[in-house]
């Protein structure tokens, strides 16, 4: 396993009744429980343009593929979010080949972009 740090971003502008503090706390606790708190920067972002299926979550890492998931419930899906972060960190360049460890959110993938290659 590499020692990469990644960014996990949760959309803050997705519609509906939301308790963003509870969402952030649930995800932070799941990351800590998975032993990932020191490798995952949990951030908020205004919009991922996945408004038709809120809430959106994004994963990014230096030299790694990028992902956007939609239709996420950050509280209910917190453990699956942490599992996805673990799978992402354990994969080659962030390219997840077998998404079964990601649980329900593997079915919520909206976009996956390969890592930019240095020129």
Protein backbone atom coordinates (compact mmCIF):
# COMPACT_ATOMS: atom_id res chain seq x y z
CA UNK A 1 0.00 0.00 0.00
CA UNK A 2 1.37 3.42 -0.92
CA UNK A 3 1.40 6.42 1.41
CA UNK A 4 -0.54 8.75 -0.88
CA UNK A 5 -2.90 11.40 0.46
CA UNK A 6 -6.20 11.88 -1.28
CA UNK A 7 -9.00 14.42 -1.26
CA UNK A 8 -12.59 13.39 -0.57
CA UNK A 9 -14.98 16.22 -1.42
CA UNK A 10 -18.66 16.38 -0.50
CA UNK A 11 -20.97 18.65 -2.47
CA UNK A 12 -22.41 21.46 -0.35
CA UNK A 13 -24.95 22.78 -2.84
CA UNK A 14 -26.97 19.61 -3.50
CA UNK A 15 -30.62 20.31 -2.76
CA UNK A 16 -32.86 18.92 -0.07
CA UNK A 17 -32.92 18.97 3.69
CA UNK A 18 -29.39 18.23 4.82
CA UNK A 19 -27.41 18.38 8.00
CA UNK A 20 -23.96 18.96 6.53
CA UNK A 21 -22.32 18.89 9.96
CA UNK A 22 -23.76 15.42 10.62
CA UNK A 23 -22.68 14.29 7.14
CA UNK A 24 -19.13 15.49 7.69
CA UNK A 25 -18.99 13.94 11.17
CA UNK A 26 -20.29 10.56 9.94
CA UNK A 27 -17.74 10.41 7.12
CA UNK A 28 -14.90 11.61 9.36
CA UNK A 29 -15.75 8.95 11.95
CA UNK A 30 -15.91 6.22 9.27
CA UNK A 31 -12.52 7.31 7.91
CA UNK A 32 -11.04 7.28 11.42
CA UNK A 33 -12.54 3.84 12.12
CA UNK A 34 -10.97 2.58 8.87
CA UNK A 35 -7.58 4.03 9.88
CA UNK A 36 -7.63 6.52 7.01
CA UNK A 37 -8.05 9.86 8.79
CA UNK A 38 -4.39 10.77 8.23
CA UNK A 39 -4.51 9.87 4.50
CA UNK A 40 -7.82 11.43 3.44
CA UNK A 41 -8.44 15.17 3.39
CA UNK A 42 -12.19 15.61 3.86
CA UNK A 43 -13.35 18.79 2.16
CA UNK A 44 -16.50 20.45 0.92
CA UNK A 45 -17.05 21.69 -2.61
CA UNK A 46 -19.89 23.85 -3.93
CA UNK A 47 -20.97 21.75 -6.94
CA UNK A 48 -20.05 18.70 -9.02
CA UNK A 49 -22.90 19.25 -11.53
CA UNK A 50 -24.65 16.08 -10.39
CA UNK A 51 -27.71 18.02 -9.25
CA UNK A 52 -30.22 15.51 -10.65
CA UNK A 53 -29.03 12.88 -8.15
CA UNK A 54 -27.82 14.59 -4.95
CA UNK A 55 -25.55 14.24 -2.98
CA UNK A 56 -22.33 14.12 -5.02
CA UNK A 57 -18.94 13.04 -3.69
CA UNK A 58 -15.58 13.29 -5.45
CA UNK A 59 -12.25 11.49 -5.01
CA UNK A 60 -8.94 12.88 -6.23
CA UNK A 61 -5.27 12.21 -5.67
CA UNK A 62 -2.01 13.41 -7.17
CA UNK A 63 -1.23 11.15 -10.14
CA UNK A 64 -4.44 9.21 -9.56
CA UNK A 65 -7.73 8.75 -11.37
CA UNK A 66 -10.59 11.04 -10.32
CA UNK A 67 -14.11 9.89 -9.45
CA UNK A 68 -17.51 11.53 -9.00
CA UNK A 69 -20.33 9.62 -7.33
CA UNK A 70 -23.96 10.78 -7.18
CA UNK A 71 -27.00 9.76 -5.18
CA UNK A 72 -24.93 9.44 -2.00
CA UNK A 73 -26.30 9.71 1.54
CA UNK A 74 -23.12 10.72 3.40
CA UNK A 75 -24.48 9.54 6.76
CA UNK A 76 -25.95 6.19 5.67
CA UNK A 77 -23.13 5.55 3.19
CA UNK A 78 -20.24 6.66 5.44
CA UNK A 79 -18.78 3.15 5.84
CA UNK A 80 -19.00 2.54 2.08
CA UNK A 81 -17.34 5.92 1.44
CA UNK A 82 -14.45 4.90 3.72
CA UNK A 83 -14.24 1.50 2.02
CA UNK A 84 -14.09 3.24 -1.35
CA UNK A 85 -11.28 5.48 -0.11
CA UNK A 86 -9.37 2.37 1.04
CA UNK A 87 -9.94 0.66 -2.32
CA UNK A 88 -8.87 3.81 -4.15
CA UNK A 89 -5.69 4.17 -2.09
CA UNK A 90 -4.85 0.48 -2.57
CA UNK A 91 -5.35 0.55 -6.36
CA UNK A 92 -2.80 1.23 -9.07
CA UNK A 93 -2.97 4.99 -9.82
CA UNK A 94 -6.44 5.15 -8.28
CA UNK A 95 -7.95 2.97 -11.02
CA UNK A 96 -10.42 0.71 -9.25
CA UNK A 97 -10.81 -2.55 -11.18
CA UNK A 98 -12.99 -4.42 -8.68
CA UNK A 99 -15.46 -2.10 -6.98
CA UNK A 100 -17.23 -4.72 -4.89
CA UNK A 101 -15.46 -3.58 -1.67
CA UNK A 102 -17.05 -0.13 -2.21
CA UNK A 103 -20.49 -1.43 -1.27
CA UNK A 104 -23.58 0.42 -2.49
CA UNK A 105 -21.76 3.46 -3.80
CA UNK A 106 -20.12 1.43 -6.58
CA UNK A 107 -23.53 1.70 -8.24
CA UNK A 108 -23.50 5.50 -7.85
CA UNK A 109 -20.52 6.20 -10.10
CA UNK A 110 -21.16 9.16 -12.38
CA UNK A 111 -17.67 9.71 -13.83
CA UNK A 112 -14.18 8.23 -13.70
CA UNK A 113 -11.27 10.03 -15.33
CA UNK A 114 -7.79 8.53 -15.69
CA UNK A 115 -4.84 10.22 -14.05
CA UNK A 116 -3.04 12.89 -16.03
CA UNK A 117 0.29 11.63 -17.29
CA UNK A 118 3.42 13.74 -16.95
CA UNK A 119 4.90 14.90 -20.23
